[in-house]
Protein backbone atom coordinates (compact mmCIF):
# COMPACT_ATOMS: atom_id res chain seq x y z
CA UNK A 1 -24.46 -30.20 2.60
CA UNK A 2 -24.07 -26.46 2.28
CA UNK A 3 -20.92 -26.90 0.21
CA UNK A 4 -22.59 -29.33 -2.22
CA UNK A 5 -25.51 -26.96 -2.89
CA UNK A 6 -23.48 -23.75 -2.98
CA UNK A 7 -23.42 -21.64 -6.17
CA UNK A 8 -20.39 -19.39 -6.74
CA UNK A 9 -21.34 -15.87 -5.68
CA UNK A 10 -19.40 -12.94 -4.23
CA UNK A 11 -21.47 -13.07 -1.04
CA UNK A 12 -19.51 -12.51 2.16
CA UNK A 13 -22.14 -14.05 4.44
CA UNK A 14 -22.26 -17.31 2.45
CA UNK A 15 -18.47 -17.40 2.44
CA UNK A 16 -18.39 -17.14 6.24
CA UNK A 17 -20.96 -19.93 6.44
CA UNK A 18 -18.87 -22.16 4.16
CA UNK A 19 -15.84 -21.62 6.40
CA UNK A 20 -18.08 -22.16 9.45
CA UNK A 21 -17.08 -18.74 10.87
CA UNK A 22 -18.78 -15.57 12.04
CA UNK A 23 -18.06 -12.04 10.96
CA UNK A 24 -15.43 -10.27 13.00
CA UNK A 25 -13.21 -13.31 13.41
CA UNK A 26 -9.44 -13.00 13.28
CA UNK A 27 -7.07 -13.99 10.51
CA UNK A 28 -5.75 -16.90 12.58
CA UNK A 29 -9.27 -18.34 12.91
CA UNK A 30 -9.80 -17.97 9.16
CA UNK A 31 -6.55 -19.81 8.42
CA UNK A 32 -7.28 -22.60 10.91
CA UNK A 33 -10.78 -23.15 9.56
CA UNK A 34 -9.52 -23.19 5.99
CA UNK A 35 -6.79 -25.73 6.83
CA UNK A 36 -9.16 -28.12 8.57
CA UNK A 37 -11.74 -27.95 5.78
CA UNK A 38 -9.06 -28.20 3.06
CA UNK A 39 -7.78 -31.45 4.58
CA UNK A 40 -11.33 -32.72 4.52
CA UNK A 41 -12.28 -31.80 0.90
CA UNK A 42 -8.87 -31.67 -0.90
CA UNK A 43 -8.96 -34.03 -3.96
CA UNK A 44 -5.43 -35.30 -3.28
CA UNK A 45 -6.20 -36.28 0.29
CA UNK A 46 -7.04 -39.83 1.21
CA UNK A 47 -10.16 -38.75 3.05
CA UNK A 48 -13.52 -40.35 2.17
CA UNK A 49 -15.09 -36.84 2.01
CA UNK A 50 -12.73 -35.60 -0.73
CA UNK A 51 -14.68 -33.50 -3.23
CA UNK A 52 -13.01 -31.33 -5.91
CA UNK A 53 -16.07 -29.12 -6.42
CA UNK A 54 -16.43 -28.53 -2.68
CA UNK A 55 -12.73 -27.70 -2.43
CA UNK A 56 -13.06 -25.10 -5.21
CA UNK A 57 -15.97 -23.46 -3.38
CA UNK A 58 -13.96 -23.56 -0.15
CA UNK A 59 -11.04 -21.83 -1.84
CA UNK A 60 -13.32 -19.12 -3.30
CA UNK A 61 -14.91 -18.56 0.10
CA UNK A 62 -11.49 -18.36 1.71
CA UNK A 63 -10.48 -15.65 -0.75
CA UNK A 64 -13.64 -13.66 -0.10
CA UNK A 65 -13.35 -13.91 3.70
CA UNK A 66 -9.62 -13.15 3.63
CA UNK A 67 -10.20 -10.00 1.54
CA UNK A 68 -13.05 -8.94 3.83
CA UNK A 69 -10.97 -9.36 6.98
CA UNK A 70 -8.02 -7.55 5.38
CA UNK A 71 -10.29 -4.65 4.31
CA UNK A 72 -11.62 -4.21 7.83
CA UNK A 73 -8.09 -4.01 9.20
CA UNK A 74 -5.81 -1.03 8.57
CA UNK A 75 -3.89 -1.31 5.32
CA UNK A 76 -0.20 -1.90 5.85
CA UNK A 77 2.37 -4.63 6.03
CA UNK A 78 -0.11 -7.04 7.64
CA UNK A 79 -2.29 -7.12 4.53
CA UNK A 80 0.70 -7.83 2.26
CA UNK A 81 1.85 -10.51 4.67
CA UNK A 82 -1.58 -12.16 4.63
CA UNK A 83 -1.69 -11.99 0.83
CA UNK A 84 1.73 -13.66 0.60
CA UNK A 85 0.58 -16.30 3.04
CA UNK A 86 -2.53 -16.87 0.95
CA UNK A 87 -0.42 -17.29 -2.17
CA UNK A 88 1.78 -19.78 -0.35
CA UNK A 89 -1.29 -21.80 0.61
CA UNK A 90 -2.43 -22.24 -3.03
CA UNK A 91 -1.60 -25.36 -5.00
CA UNK A 92 1.97 -24.53 -5.90
CA UNK A 93 2.66 -27.96 -7.46
CA UNK A 94 0.14 -27.22 -10.21
CA UNK A 95 2.20 -24.27 -11.41
CA UNK A 96 5.12 -26.55 -12.20
CA UNK A 97 3.12 -28.10 -15.03
CA UNK A 98 4.01 -25.03 -17.09
CA UNK A 99 7.47 -24.06 -18.45
CA UNK A 100 8.16 -27.78 -19.09
CA UNK A 101 8.74 -28.28 -15.37
CA UNK A 102 11.89 -26.12 -15.41
CA UNK A 103 12.91 -23.80 -12.59
CA UNK A 104 12.02 -23.13 -8.99
CA UNK A 105 10.55 -20.15 -7.11
CA UNK A 106 7.86 -17.73 -8.18
CA UNK A 107 6.30 -17.81 -11.66
CA UNK A 108 8.36 -14.79 -12.77
CA UNK A 109 11.59 -16.43 -11.57
CA UNK A 110 10.64 -19.66 -13.27
CA UNK A 111 9.90 -17.82 -16.49
CA UNK A 112 13.40 -16.30 -16.49
CA UNK A 113 14.94 -19.66 -15.77
CA UNK A 114 12.88 -21.22 -18.56
CA UNK A 115 14.03 -18.58 -21.05
CA UNK A 116 17.66 -19.26 -20.09
CA UNK A 117 16.98 -22.99 -20.45
CA UNK A 118 15.65 -22.47 -23.98
CA UNK A 119 18.70 -20.41 -24.90
CA UNK A 120 21.03 -23.14 -23.58
CA UNK A 121 19.09 -25.84 -25.39
CA UNK A 122 19.20 -23.95 -28.68
CA UNK A 123 22.94 -23.46 -28.26
CA UNK A 124 23.44 -27.17 -27.66
CA UNK A 125 21.37 -28.03 -30.73
CA UNK A 126 23.46 -25.69 -32.87
CA UNK A 127 26.67 -27.22 -31.54
CA UNK A 128 25.36 -30.77 -32.18
CA UNK A 129 24.37 -29.80 -35.73
CA UNK A 130 27.79 -28.35 -36.44
CA UNK A 131 29.50 -31.39 -34.93
CA UNK A 132 27.39 -33.70 -37.09
CA UNK A 133 28.24 -31.73 -40.21
CA UNK A 134 31.94 -31.91 -39.39
CA UNK A 135 31.69 -35.67 -38.76
CA UNK A 136 29.89 -36.19 -42.06
CA UNK A 137 32.50 -34.13 -43.91
CA UNK A 138 35.31 -36.09 -42.27
CA UNK A 139 33.55 -39.35 -43.10
CA UNK A 140 33.30 -38.25 -46.73
CA UNK A 141 36.97 -37.33 -46.69
CA UNK A 142 37.85 -40.74 -45.26
CA UNK A 143 35.81 -42.45 -47.97
CA UNK A 144 37.54 -40.46 -50.68
CA UNK A 145 40.87 -41.21 -49.08
CA UNK A 146 40.07 -44.94 -48.94
CA UNK A 147 38.94 -44.83 -52.57
CA UNK A 148 42.16 -43.11 -53.57
CA UNK A 149 44.19 -45.71 -51.67
CA UNK A 150 42.27 -48.50 -53.40
CA UNK A 151 42.85 -46.98 -56.82
CA UNK A 152 46.52 -46.45 -56.07
CA UNK A 153 46.86 -50.08 -55.00
CA UNK A 154 45.14 -51.17 -58.19
CA UNK A 155 47.55 -49.09 -60.29
CA UNK A 156 50.52 -50.47 -58.36
CA UNK A 157 49.36 -54.06 -58.91
CA UNK A 158 48.86 -53.42 -62.63
CA UNK A 159 52.30 -51.89 -62.93
CA UNK A 160 53.84 -54.77 -60.97
CA UNK A 161 52.21 -57.32 -63.29
CA UNK A 162 53.42 -55.44 -66.33
CA UNK A 163 56.96 -55.32 -64.94
CA UNK A 164 56.81 -59.04 -64.12
CA UNK A 165 55.72 -59.90 -67.66
CA UNK A 166 58.45 -57.70 -69.10
CA UNK A 167 61.04 -59.34 -66.85
CA UNK A 168 59.88 -62.81 -67.90
CA UNK A 169 60.12 -61.88 -71.57
CA UNK A 170 63.58 -60.42 -71.16
CA UNK A 171 64.69 -63.49 -69.18
CA UNK A 172 63.37 -65.83 -71.86
CA UNK A 173 65.09 -63.81 -74.59
CA UNK A 174 68.35 -63.95 -72.65
CA UNK A 175 68.06 -67.74 -72.30
CA UNK A 176 67.39 -68.12 -76.01
CA UNK A 177 63.87 -69.51 -75.65
CA UNK A 178 62.73 -67.43 -78.62
CA UNK A 179 65.60 -68.51 -80.90
CA UNK A 180 64.06 -71.84 -81.89
CA UNK A 181 60.73 -70.41 -83.01
CA UNK A 182 59.46 -71.47 -86.41
CA UNK A 183 58.85 -67.91 -87.50
CA UNK A 184 62.17 -66.44 -86.38
CA UNK A 185 63.27 -63.56 -88.57
CA UNK A 186 59.82 -63.25 -90.14
CA UNK A 187 57.35 -60.46 -89.45
CA UNK A 188 54.56 -61.21 -87.02
CA UNK A 189 51.27 -62.25 -88.50
CA UNK A 190 48.55 -59.66 -88.75
CA UNK A 191 45.18 -60.84 -87.53
CA UNK A 192 43.11 -59.08 -90.12
CA UNK A 193 40.11 -61.35 -89.52
CA UNK A 194 39.33 -59.55 -86.23
CA UNK A 195 39.94 -55.82 -86.60
CA UNK A 196 38.73 -55.05 -83.06
CA UNK A 197 41.76 -56.76 -81.43
CA UNK A 198 45.10 -55.00 -81.10
CA UNK A 199 47.62 -57.08 -83.14
CA UNK A 200 50.52 -56.35 -80.77
CA UNK A 201 48.55 -57.39 -77.67
CA UNK A 202 47.25 -60.53 -79.37
CA UNK A 203 50.70 -61.52 -80.62
CA UNK A 204 52.21 -60.91 -77.19
CA UNK A 205 49.58 -63.14 -75.55
CA UNK A 206 50.11 -65.84 -78.16
CA UNK A 207 53.89 -65.81 -77.63
CA UNK A 208 53.44 -66.08 -73.86
CA UNK A 209 50.97 -68.97 -74.18
CA UNK A 210 53.19 -70.84 -76.62
CA UNK A 211 56.10 -70.60 -74.21
CA UNK A 212 54.16 -71.78 -71.18
CA UNK A 213 53.27 -68.41 -69.63
CA UNK A 214 49.60 -69.21 -69.18
CA UNK A 215 47.37 -67.86 -66.40
CA UNK A 216 47.08 -70.01 -63.31
CA UNK A 217 43.35 -70.61 -63.68
CA UNK A 218 43.76 -71.99 -67.21
CA UNK A 219 46.36 -74.50 -66.09
CA UNK A 220 44.27 -75.43 -63.06
CA UNK A 221 41.17 -75.97 -65.18
CA UNK A 222 43.11 -78.20 -67.58
CA UNK A 223 44.50 -80.20 -64.67
CA UNK A 224 41.02 -80.70 -63.16
CA UNK A 225 39.58 -81.97 -66.44
CA UNK A 226 42.46 -84.38 -67.01
CA UNK A 227 42.20 -85.67 -63.45
CA UNK A 228 38.45 -86.40 -63.62
CA UNK A 229 38.89 -88.23 -66.94
CA UNK A 230 41.67 -90.38 -65.50
CA UNK A 231 39.60 -91.20 -62.41
CA UNK A 232 36.60 -92.19 -64.52
CA UNK A 233 38.66 -94.44 -66.77
CA UNK A 234 40.43 -96.08 -63.82
CA UNK A 235 37.22 -96.92 -61.94
CA UNK A 236 35.63 -98.39 -65.10
CA UNK A 237 38.76 -100.45 -65.76
CA UNK A 238 38.74 -101.73 -62.19
CA UNK A 239 35.10 -102.75 -62.53
CA UNK A 240 35.80 -104.66 -65.75
CA UNK A 241 38.60 -106.60 -64.07
CA UNK A 242 36.24 -107.88 -61.39
CA UNK A 243 33.85 -109.44 -63.88
CA UNK A 244 30.15 -110.30 -63.68
CA UNK A 245 28.67 -111.60 -61.43
CA UNK A 246 30.94 -110.64 -58.55
CA UNK A 247 31.84 -112.99 -55.75
CA UNK A 248 31.69 -111.78 -52.12
CA UNK A 249 35.43 -111.21 -52.22
CA UNK A 250 35.15 -109.24 -55.46
CA UNK A 251 32.25 -107.24 -53.99
CA UNK A 252 34.43 -106.30 -51.04
CA UNK A 253 37.21 -105.23 -53.42
CA UNK A 254 34.71 -103.15 -55.42
CA UNK A 255 33.53 -101.39 -52.23
CA UNK A 256 37.12 -100.49 -51.39
CA UNK A 257 37.64 -99.17 -54.94
CA UNK A 258 34.51 -97.02 -54.60
CA UNK A 259 35.64 -95.58 -51.26
CA UNK A 260 39.03 -94.65 -52.70
CA UNK A 261 37.35 -93.17 -55.77
CA UNK A 262 35.04 -91.04 -53.61
CA UNK A 263 38.01 -89.80 -51.57
CA UNK A 264 39.80 -88.80 -54.79
CA UNK A 265 36.68 -86.92 -55.90
CA UNK A 266 36.62 -84.99 -52.60
CA UNK A 267 40.25 -83.98 -53.09
CA UNK A 268 39.43 -82.90 -56.63
CA UNK A 269 36.57 -80.74 -55.33
CA UNK A 270 39.10 -78.83 -53.21
CA UNK A 271 40.99 -78.02 -56.40
CA UNK A 272 37.69 -76.84 -57.87
CA UNK A 273 37.32 -74.45 -54.92
CA UNK A 274 40.81 -73.07 -55.53
CA UNK A 275 39.99 -72.68 -59.22
CA UNK A 276 36.79 -70.72 -58.46
CA UNK A 277 38.79 -68.33 -56.28
CA UNK A 278 41.28 -67.39 -59.01
CA UNK A 279 39.14 -67.55 -62.17
CA UNK A 280 38.48 -63.97 -63.36
CA UNK A 281 35.19 -64.73 -65.15
CA UNK A 282 32.13 -65.71 -63.13
CA UNK A 283 30.65 -67.81 -65.93
CA UNK A 284 33.81 -69.96 -66.03
CA UNK A 285 33.44 -71.21 -62.48
CA UNK A 286 33.03 -74.95 -61.98
CA UNK A 287 30.67 -76.96 -59.79
CA UNK A 288 31.66 -79.82 -57.51
CA UNK A 289 31.72 -83.38 -58.76
CA UNK A 290 29.27 -85.66 -56.95
CA UNK A 291 30.97 -88.93 -55.84
CA UNK A 292 27.66 -90.84 -55.84
CA UNK A 293 26.75 -89.67 -59.33
CA UNK A 294 30.22 -90.55 -60.59
CA UNK A 295 29.85 -94.12 -59.22
CA UNK A 296 26.49 -94.50 -60.97
CA UNK A 297 28.02 -93.13 -64.16
CA UNK A 298 30.88 -95.62 -63.96
CA UNK A 299 28.44 -98.52 -63.55
CA UNK A 300 26.41 -97.37 -66.54
CA UNK A 301 29.59 -97.05 -68.62
CA UNK A 302 30.61 -100.56 -67.59
CA UNK A 303 27.21 -102.00 -68.57
CA UNK A 304 27.33 -100.23 -71.93
CA UNK A 305 30.84 -101.57 -72.64
CA UNK A 306 29.76 -105.06 -71.55
CA UNK A 307 26.77 -104.97 -73.87
CA UNK A 308 28.94 -103.89 -76.80
CA UNK A 309 31.43 -106.66 -76.03
CA UNK A 310 28.72 -109.34 -75.95
CA UNK A 311 27.24 -108.04 -79.20
CA UNK A 312 30.64 -108.18 -80.93
CA UNK A 313 31.21 -111.72 -79.60
CA UNK A 314 27.90 -112.80 -81.08
CA UNK A 315 28.85 -111.44 -84.50
CA UNK A 316 32.21 -113.17 -84.36
CA UNK A 317 30.62 -116.52 -83.47
CA UNK A 318 28.19 -116.16 -86.32
CA UNK A 319 31.04 -115.44 -88.71
CA UNK A 320 32.99 -118.51 -87.58
CA UNK A 321 29.94 -120.75 -88.03
CA UNK A 322 29.48 -119.39 -91.54
CA UNK A 323 33.08 -120.19 -92.35
CA UNK A 324 32.80 -123.68 -90.79
CA UNK A 325 29.76 -124.72 -92.82
CA UNK A 326 30.63 -122.81 -95.98
CA UNK A 327 32.52 -125.76 -97.66
CA UNK A 328 29.53 -128.09 -97.16
CA UNK A 329 27.18 -125.74 -98.93
CA UNK A 330 29.65 -125.35 -101.81
CA UNK A 331 29.92 -129.19 -102.07
CA UNK A 332 26.14 -129.55 -102.28
CA UNK A 333 26.01 -126.94 -104.99
CA UNK A 334 28.70 -128.81 -107.02
CA UNK A 335 26.85 -132.13 -106.66
CA UNK A 336 23.65 -130.56 -107.86
CA UNK A 337 25.42 -129.24 -110.88
């Protein structure tokens, strides 16, 4: 009750009352009373009477009583010892909230340790910064080196292609492939209609193409187009052979023809994939052929051809009838005359 209504004052008598002591007591009694009351009012204790405000008043009273008892005694080593003991009884764990929790010992020792810690941390940060700069510079050097290697490979490939073309031309000249040309002994034609093209380069490309030295993707594209046209013609021809309407046996044969046709289309699509890998121009790439759409297209083509055939048969029958009854009409005309 006295602790809860106490107001902080530098009154020795009230301090003795708070510690439940009388004047003239010894230092041991002061310490024992303070310990027992601190356990009772300390905020970190698990006691039901814990009170932070009461503990602060108890600590202030302990300081006042301790200084009063020390003043009454003779000054000497005992007073310093009691002061050190008082300092050791204070809440030392609260001091470790400063200096980032670094160091042990007294505040002055911890301050020195904290200063050394800051110096070490700054040194580590400088070393990390320098290491990062070196790594970045090495990474840039590696990128430049990789770029140089890539460019050198590109130059080597270009030179190899040029040497290959030159070797092919020399080999063809040695075999006499250029001897049977229509323009042998005549100057090469000048392509004056397109002044932006180098005549020598254009003539060289034309000579290579005429003698079969075409790029792979051009030959592959030509082969794909010829193959799809042949497949379309063959499936339409097979459908025309079966006739209309189809018997169950003919329907079974037509299903087998469609399955084989779809398998051929799948194989052709693999060639389309190979073509798309080697074609140098993105706009020249080809899309896959749909087997289902090709079957529908073949059926439509067959119906169109069948309609044309029936129409032509009708015209022929009409022409034959006209020829058959033409002599009768001429006879009637002669009789009328």
